[in-house]
Amino acid sequence: MPVVVAALLPVFILIVLGVVLRHSLMRLDTQWHGLEQLTYFVLFPMLLIQTLVKADLSRVPVAGVGGALLLSALAMSLLCLALRPALSRLGIDGPAFTSIFQGATRWQTFVALSIAANMFGDLGLALASVAMVAIIPLVNVFSVAVLAHYAAQEKRSPRAIAMTVIRNPLIWACAIGLAVNLMHLPLPKIWHEVADALSRSSLAIGLLVTGAGLHLKGLLRPSLGAAIGVGLKLVLMPALALGLAAWFGITGNSLAIVAICAAVPTSPSAYVLARQMGGDAPLLAQIITLQTILAAITMPIAIALA
């Protein structure tokens, strides 16, 4: 447990620093919006590409780790859709449902990669990269489709939904990095120097942006939707993923990586998507904030159990 807490501590210090900077030195929304765009479209895709390019996938149980996380994300998505009628009877409308769905299925890659690297070094990054390839395309496709169906004022065509997914930079980054790795394409030294520099900055800046995006108002009295989103992501998702991983025979460091990736809070980029597509953005902001705070308690428990 102390090892887990020590690995988590730098991550949450950077998130808290983001909160402090948002209310002191960098109060303008435009400042954080610029950093968010830089991270989402440049720094983080470069980290994904470079991590996958350098990963020794022969040392990684790709099928077990990827399969457990892929199936757990799929199971959680189907469970949320099955709960839709019951949630509607509780007064949760379509846009609010999309926020619960995103809160329960998406994952905070900055936190997952930081903790994986702190605990297991390059092997942890390689394992976490497998998780990214398994989860990122699936949850982005599902999130866009659910928002288009339940939240958009004007129903989007299948082509429009497909184009939104295709333009996602994280999906492209995973595809490019994996293709370069599998085809053993040689890259020049200058590529690695530039990519490594951008990759190192992505995690720190991403965690600062995560902290700056937290909404602290109303946390003492969370709504029913927020409570459901928190419970599904921080309790049920790790249980699903660890159960599937154990069924696949995953043990040791690989099992810990599954716990890390399943137990992280949802992605702040979900908030941006909710704003763009008509979801309940304030509810999602509350879910993200609660999950980020409570994950400091639930993540060490999940990882230590693994």
Protein backbone atom coordinates (compact mmCIF):
# COMPACT_ATOMS: atom_id res chain seq x y z
CA MET A 1 0.00 0.00 0.00
CA PRO A 2 2.78 2.58 0.76
CA VAL A 3 4.30 1.88 -2.68
CA VAL A 4 0.95 2.54 -4.35
CA VAL A 5 0.40 5.76 -2.41
CA ALA A 6 3.93 6.93 -3.22
CA ALA A 7 3.27 6.38 -6.93
CA LEU A 8 -0.05 8.24 -6.74
CA LEU A 9 1.23 11.20 -4.73
CA PRO A 10 3.09 13.07 -7.54
CA VAL A 11 0.05 12.68 -9.78
CA PHE A 12 -2.34 14.24 -7.29
CA ILE A 13 0.16 16.96 -6.34
CA LEU A 14 0.18 18.07 -9.99
CA ILE A 15 -3.63 17.98 -10.11
CA VAL A 16 -3.82 20.12 -6.94
CA LEU A 17 -1.23 22.50 -8.43
CA GLY A 18 -3.53 22.88 -11.44
CA VAL A 19 -6.38 23.85 -9.10
CA VAL A 20 -4.15 26.42 -7.37
CA LEU A 21 -2.89 27.92 -10.64
CA ARG A 22 -6.45 28.14 -11.98
CA HIS A 23 -7.44 30.33 -9.03
CA SER A 24 -4.24 32.39 -8.77
CA LEU A 25 -1.72 32.83 -11.58
CA MET A 26 -3.76 31.65 -14.60
CA ARG A 27 -7.36 32.70 -14.10
CA LEU A 28 -8.35 33.21 -17.74
CA ASP A 29 -10.27 30.42 -19.44
CA THR A 30 -8.42 31.14 -22.68
CA GLN A 31 -5.09 30.23 -21.07
CA TRP A 32 -6.27 26.78 -20.05
CA HIS A 33 -8.18 26.26 -23.28
CA GLY A 34 -4.95 26.78 -25.22
CA LEU A 35 -3.11 24.27 -23.03
CA GLU A 36 -6.01 21.82 -23.35
CA GLN A 37 -5.92 22.06 -27.15
CA LEU A 38 -2.12 21.71 -27.22
CA THR A 39 -2.24 18.65 -25.00
CA TYR A 40 -5.15 16.98 -26.78
CA PHE A 41 -3.99 17.51 -30.36
CA VAL A 42 -0.17 17.52 -30.06
CA LEU A 43 1.46 16.47 -26.79
CA PHE A 44 -0.68 13.52 -25.79
CA PRO A 45 -0.92 11.99 -29.29
CA MET A 46 2.86 12.22 -29.48
CA LEU A 47 3.16 10.44 -26.14
CA LEU A 48 0.89 7.64 -27.39
CA ILE A 49 2.81 7.26 -30.63
CA GLN A 50 6.23 7.30 -29.00
CA THR A 51 5.23 4.93 -26.19
CA LEU A 52 3.84 2.42 -28.66
CA VAL A 53 6.80 2.82 -31.03
CA LYS A 54 9.28 2.01 -28.25
CA ALA A 55 7.19 -0.63 -26.46
CA ASP A 56 8.49 -4.19 -26.49
CA LEU A 57 5.11 -5.84 -27.01
CA SER A 58 6.71 -9.29 -26.94
CA ARG A 59 7.09 -8.83 -23.16
CA VAL A 60 3.47 -7.84 -22.70
CA PRO A 61 0.45 -10.18 -22.42
CA VAL A 62 -1.41 -8.24 -25.08
CA ALA A 63 -4.41 -10.55 -25.34
CA GLY A 64 -4.94 -10.84 -21.59
CA VAL A 65 -4.47 -7.17 -20.59
CA GLY A 66 -6.16 -5.75 -23.68
CA GLY A 67 -8.93 -8.34 -23.64
CA ALA A 68 -9.80 -7.83 -19.99
CA LEU A 69 -9.99 -4.05 -20.35
CA LEU A 70 -11.79 -4.17 -23.68
CA LEU A 71 -14.44 -6.56 -22.38
CA SER A 72 -14.87 -4.60 -19.14
CA ALA A 73 -15.41 -1.36 -21.08
CA LEU A 74 -17.87 -3.15 -23.37
CA ALA A 75 -19.71 -4.70 -20.41
CA MET A 76 -19.96 -1.34 -18.63
CA SER A 77 -21.27 0.32 -21.81
CA LEU A 78 -23.96 -2.32 -22.25
CA LEU A 79 -24.88 -2.10 -18.55
CA CYS A 80 -25.36 1.67 -18.80
CA LEU A 81 -27.59 1.24 -21.84
CA ALA A 82 -29.59 -1.43 -20.01
CA LEU A 83 -30.04 0.96 -17.06
CA ARG A 84 -31.39 3.74 -19.29
CA PRO A 85 -35.14 2.96 -18.71
CA ALA A 86 -34.65 2.78 -14.93
CA LEU A 87 -32.64 6.01 -14.90
CA SER A 88 -35.35 7.72 -16.95
CA ARG A 89 -37.92 6.77 -14.32
CA LEU A 90 -35.68 8.41 -11.70
CA GLY A 91 -35.88 11.69 -13.60
CA ILE A 92 -32.54 11.49 -15.42
CA ASP A 93 -33.05 12.87 -18.94
CA GLY A 94 -31.14 12.07 -22.12
CA PRO A 95 -28.31 14.62 -21.77
CA ALA A 96 -27.80 13.63 -18.11
CA PHE A 97 -27.69 9.96 -19.13
CA THR A 98 -24.90 10.68 -21.61
CA SER A 99 -22.86 12.26 -18.81
CA ILE A 100 -23.35 9.18 -16.62
CA PHE A 101 -22.38 6.99 -19.58
CA GLN A 102 -19.17 8.92 -20.24
CA GLY A 103 -18.38 9.09 -16.54
CA ALA A 104 -18.73 5.31 -16.21
CA THR A 105 -16.85 4.20 -19.33
CA ARG A 106 -14.08 6.67 -20.20
CA TRP A 107 -10.74 6.78 -18.42
CA GLN A 108 -8.14 9.39 -17.50
CA THR A 109 -5.12 8.39 -19.53
CA PHE A 110 -2.82 11.03 -18.01
CA VAL A 111 -3.31 9.60 -14.54
CA ALA A 112 -3.05 5.98 -15.72
CA LEU A 113 0.19 6.55 -17.62
CA SER A 114 1.75 8.57 -14.80
CA ILE A 115 1.01 5.92 -12.18
CA ALA A 116 2.06 3.06 -14.48
CA ALA A 117 5.37 4.79 -15.19
CA ASN A 118 5.96 5.64 -11.51
CA MET A 119 5.35 2.06 -10.41
CA PHE A 120 6.77 -0.05 -13.24
CA GLY A 121 8.87 2.20 -15.51
CA ASP A 122 9.05 1.36 -19.24
CA LEU A 123 7.26 -1.95 -18.73
CA GLY A 124 4.38 -0.12 -17.09
CA LEU A 125 4.16 2.28 -20.02
CA ALA A 126 4.16 -0.64 -22.47
CA LEU A 127 1.37 -2.36 -20.56
CA ALA A 128 -0.61 0.86 -20.30
CA SER A 129 -0.15 1.36 -24.06
CA VAL A 130 -1.86 -1.96 -24.68
CA ALA A 131 -4.73 -0.71 -22.53
CA MET A 132 -4.95 2.47 -24.61
CA VAL A 133 -5.15 0.54 -27.87
CA ALA A 134 -7.91 -1.63 -26.39
CA ILE A 135 -10.03 1.06 -24.73
CA ILE A 136 -9.63 4.42 -26.50
CA PRO A 137 -11.22 3.54 -29.89
CA LEU A 138 -14.12 1.64 -28.30
CA VAL A 139 -15.12 4.23 -25.70
CA ASN A 140 -14.81 7.11 -28.17
CA VAL A 141 -17.08 5.38 -30.68
CA PHE A 142 -19.64 4.55 -27.99
CA SER A 143 -19.52 8.00 -26.39
CA VAL A 144 -20.07 9.83 -29.67
CA ALA A 145 -22.89 7.46 -30.65
CA VAL A 146 -24.65 7.77 -27.27
CA LEU A 147 -24.38 11.57 -27.32
CA ALA A 148 -25.67 11.72 -30.89
CA HIS A 149 -28.67 9.55 -29.98
CA TYR A 150 -29.63 10.80 -26.50
CA ALA A 151 -28.36 14.38 -26.30
CA ALA A 152 -28.10 16.02 -29.71
CA GLN A 153 -30.99 18.37 -30.53
CA GLU A 154 -30.67 17.32 -34.16
CA LYS A 155 -30.07 13.61 -34.73
CA ARG A 156 -26.75 13.03 -36.46
CA SER A 157 -26.42 10.75 -39.42
CA PRO A 158 -24.25 7.62 -39.16
CA ARG A 159 -21.78 9.34 -41.50
CA ALA A 160 -21.50 12.40 -39.20
CA ILE A 161 -20.95 10.15 -36.18
CA ALA A 162 -18.31 8.17 -38.07
CA MET A 163 -16.49 11.36 -39.11
CA THR A 164 -16.42 12.60 -35.49
CA VAL A 165 -14.80 9.34 -34.42
CA ILE A 166 -12.36 9.29 -37.34
CA ARG A 167 -11.15 12.80 -36.52
CA ASN A 168 -10.25 11.79 -32.95
CA PRO A 169 -6.47 12.37 -32.61
CA LEU A 170 -6.05 9.71 -29.91
CA ILE A 171 -7.36 6.97 -32.18
CA TRP A 172 -4.98 8.05 -34.94
CA ALA A 173 -2.06 8.17 -32.51
CA CYS A 174 -2.74 4.61 -31.33
CA ALA A 175 -3.02 3.38 -34.92
CA ILE A 176 0.19 5.09 -36.05
CA GLY A 177 2.27 4.01 -33.06
CA LEU A 178 1.08 0.42 -33.27
CA ALA A 179 1.67 0.26 -37.04
CA VAL A 180 5.24 1.56 -36.71
CA ASN A 181 5.95 -0.93 -33.92
CA LEU A 182 4.53 -3.98 -35.70
CA MET A 183 6.20 -3.14 -39.03
CA HIS A 184 9.54 -2.33 -37.31
CA LEU A 185 9.88 0.91 -39.25
CA PRO A 186 13.18 2.70 -38.50
CA LEU A 187 12.85 6.28 -37.26
CA PRO A 188 15.70 8.84 -37.26
CA LYS A 189 17.39 9.90 -34.04
CA ILE A 190 16.01 13.43 -34.29
CA TRP A 191 12.46 12.00 -34.29
CA HIS A 192 13.08 10.27 -30.98
CA GLU A 193 14.68 13.38 -29.45
CA VAL A 194 11.75 15.62 -30.39
CA ALA A 195 9.10 13.01 -29.57
CA ASP A 196 10.65 12.23 -26.17
CA ALA A 197 10.75 15.94 -25.28
CA LEU A 198 7.08 16.42 -26.21
CA SER A 199 6.09 13.18 -24.46
CA ARG A 200 7.74 14.16 -21.18
CA SER A 201 5.86 17.44 -21.09
CA SER A 202 2.48 15.91 -21.94
CA LEU A 203 1.85 14.14 -18.64
CA ALA A 204 2.73 17.11 -16.43
CA ILE A 205 0.74 19.61 -18.51
CA GLY A 206 -2.15 17.16 -18.86
CA LEU A 207 -2.40 16.72 -15.10
CA LEU A 208 -2.28 20.49 -14.55
CA VAL A 209 -5.10 20.94 -17.05
CA THR A 210 -7.05 18.19 -15.29
CA GLY A 211 -6.76 20.05 -11.99
CA ALA A 212 -7.70 23.36 -13.58
CA GLY A 213 -10.86 21.81 -14.99
CA LEU A 214 -12.18 20.55 -11.67
CA HIS A 215 -15.41 22.17 -10.45
CA LEU A 216 -15.45 22.30 -6.66
CA LYS A 217 -18.92 23.82 -6.19
CA GLY A 218 -21.69 21.52 -5.08
CA LEU A 219 -19.40 18.66 -4.13
CA LEU A 220 -20.84 18.29 -0.64
CA ARG A 221 -24.30 17.60 -2.07
CA PRO A 222 -23.79 15.57 -5.25
CA SER A 223 -26.77 14.81 -7.44
CA LEU A 224 -28.14 11.30 -7.96
CA GLY A 225 -26.65 11.20 -11.44
CA ALA A 226 -23.22 12.12 -10.13
CA ALA A 227 -23.38 9.47 -7.41
CA ILE A 228 -24.32 6.81 -9.97
CA GLY A 229 -21.49 7.86 -12.29
CA VAL A 230 -18.96 7.72 -9.46
CA GLY A 231 -20.10 4.32 -8.20
CA LEU A 232 -20.09 2.72 -11.64
CA LYS A 233 -16.59 3.94 -12.51
CA LEU A 234 -14.68 3.70 -9.24
CA VAL A 235 -16.26 0.53 -7.83
CA LEU A 236 -17.91 -1.59 -10.51
CA MET A 237 -15.45 -0.99 -13.37
CA PRO A 238 -12.35 -2.13 -11.40
CA ALA A 239 -14.27 -5.18 -10.16
CA LEU A 240 -15.27 -6.11 -13.73
CA ALA A 241 -11.77 -5.62 -15.12
CA LEU A 242 -9.99 -7.50 -12.34
CA GLY A 243 -12.48 -10.35 -12.53
CA LEU A 244 -11.95 -10.69 -16.28
CA ALA A 245 -8.17 -10.39 -15.93
CA ALA A 246 -8.13 -13.14 -13.31
CA TRP A 247 -10.26 -15.27 -15.64
CA PHE A 248 -7.66 -14.73 -18.39
CA GLY A 249 -4.91 -15.82 -16.00
CA ILE A 250 -3.26 -12.38 -15.69
CA THR A 251 -1.07 -11.97 -12.59
CA GLY A 252 1.70 -9.77 -11.16
CA ASN A 253 2.53 -6.42 -12.72
CA SER A 254 0.11 -6.99 -15.59
CA LEU A 255 -2.78 -7.41 -13.16
CA ALA A 256 -1.75 -4.22 -11.36
CA ILE A 257 -1.80 -2.32 -14.67
CA VAL A 258 -5.32 -3.61 -15.34
CA ALA A 259 -6.32 -2.28 -11.90
CA ILE A 260 -4.68 1.09 -12.59
CA CYS A 261 -6.40 1.55 -15.96
CA ALA A 262 -9.80 0.40 -14.70
CA ALA A 263 -9.76 2.44 -11.47
CA VAL A 264 -8.74 5.85 -12.83
CA PRO A 265 -11.35 8.62 -12.97
CA THR A 266 -13.00 9.50 -16.26
CA SER A 267 -11.34 11.68 -18.88
CA PRO A 268 -11.67 15.48 -18.75
CA SER A 269 -11.93 15.39 -22.56
CA ALA A 270 -15.38 13.89 -21.98
CA TYR A 271 -16.44 17.33 -20.69
CA VAL A 272 -15.32 18.96 -23.94
CA LEU A 273 -17.25 16.36 -25.97
CA ALA A 274 -20.34 16.90 -23.83
CA ARG A 275 -20.23 20.64 -24.47
CA GLN A 276 -19.81 20.11 -28.21
CA MET A 277 -22.62 17.57 -28.60
CA GLY A 278 -25.29 18.76 -26.18
CA GLY A 279 -24.63 16.59 -23.14
CA ASP A 280 -25.17 17.68 -19.54
CA ALA A 281 -21.76 19.31 -19.12
CA PRO A 282 -22.28 20.62 -15.54
CA LEU A 283 -23.26 17.13 -14.36
CA LEU A 284 -20.23 15.63 -16.08
CA ALA A 285 -17.98 18.25 -14.48
CA GLN A 286 -19.32 17.22 -11.08
CA ILE A 287 -18.74 13.53 -11.88
CA ILE A 288 -15.17 14.18 -13.04
CA THR A 289 -14.36 16.24 -9.95
CA LEU A 290 -15.84 13.72 -7.50
CA GLN A 291 -14.11 10.81 -9.22
CA THR A 292 -10.74 12.59 -9.25
CA ILE A 293 -10.95 13.33 -5.52
CA LEU A 294 -12.32 9.94 -4.45
CA ALA A 295 -9.87 8.04 -6.67
CA ALA A 296 -7.17 9.03 -4.20
CA ILE A 297 -8.88 6.55 -1.86
CA THR A 298 -10.26 3.92 -4.23
CA MET A 299 -7.27 3.54 -6.55
CA PRO A 300 -4.75 2.49 -3.88
CA ILE A 301 -7.25 -0.10 -2.63
CA ALA A 302 -7.84 -1.55 -6.12
CA ILE A 303 -4.11 -1.64 -6.97
CA ALA A 304 -3.13 -3.08 -3.60
CA LEU A 305 -5.76 -5.83 -3.94
CA ALA A 306 -4.45 -6.64 -7.42
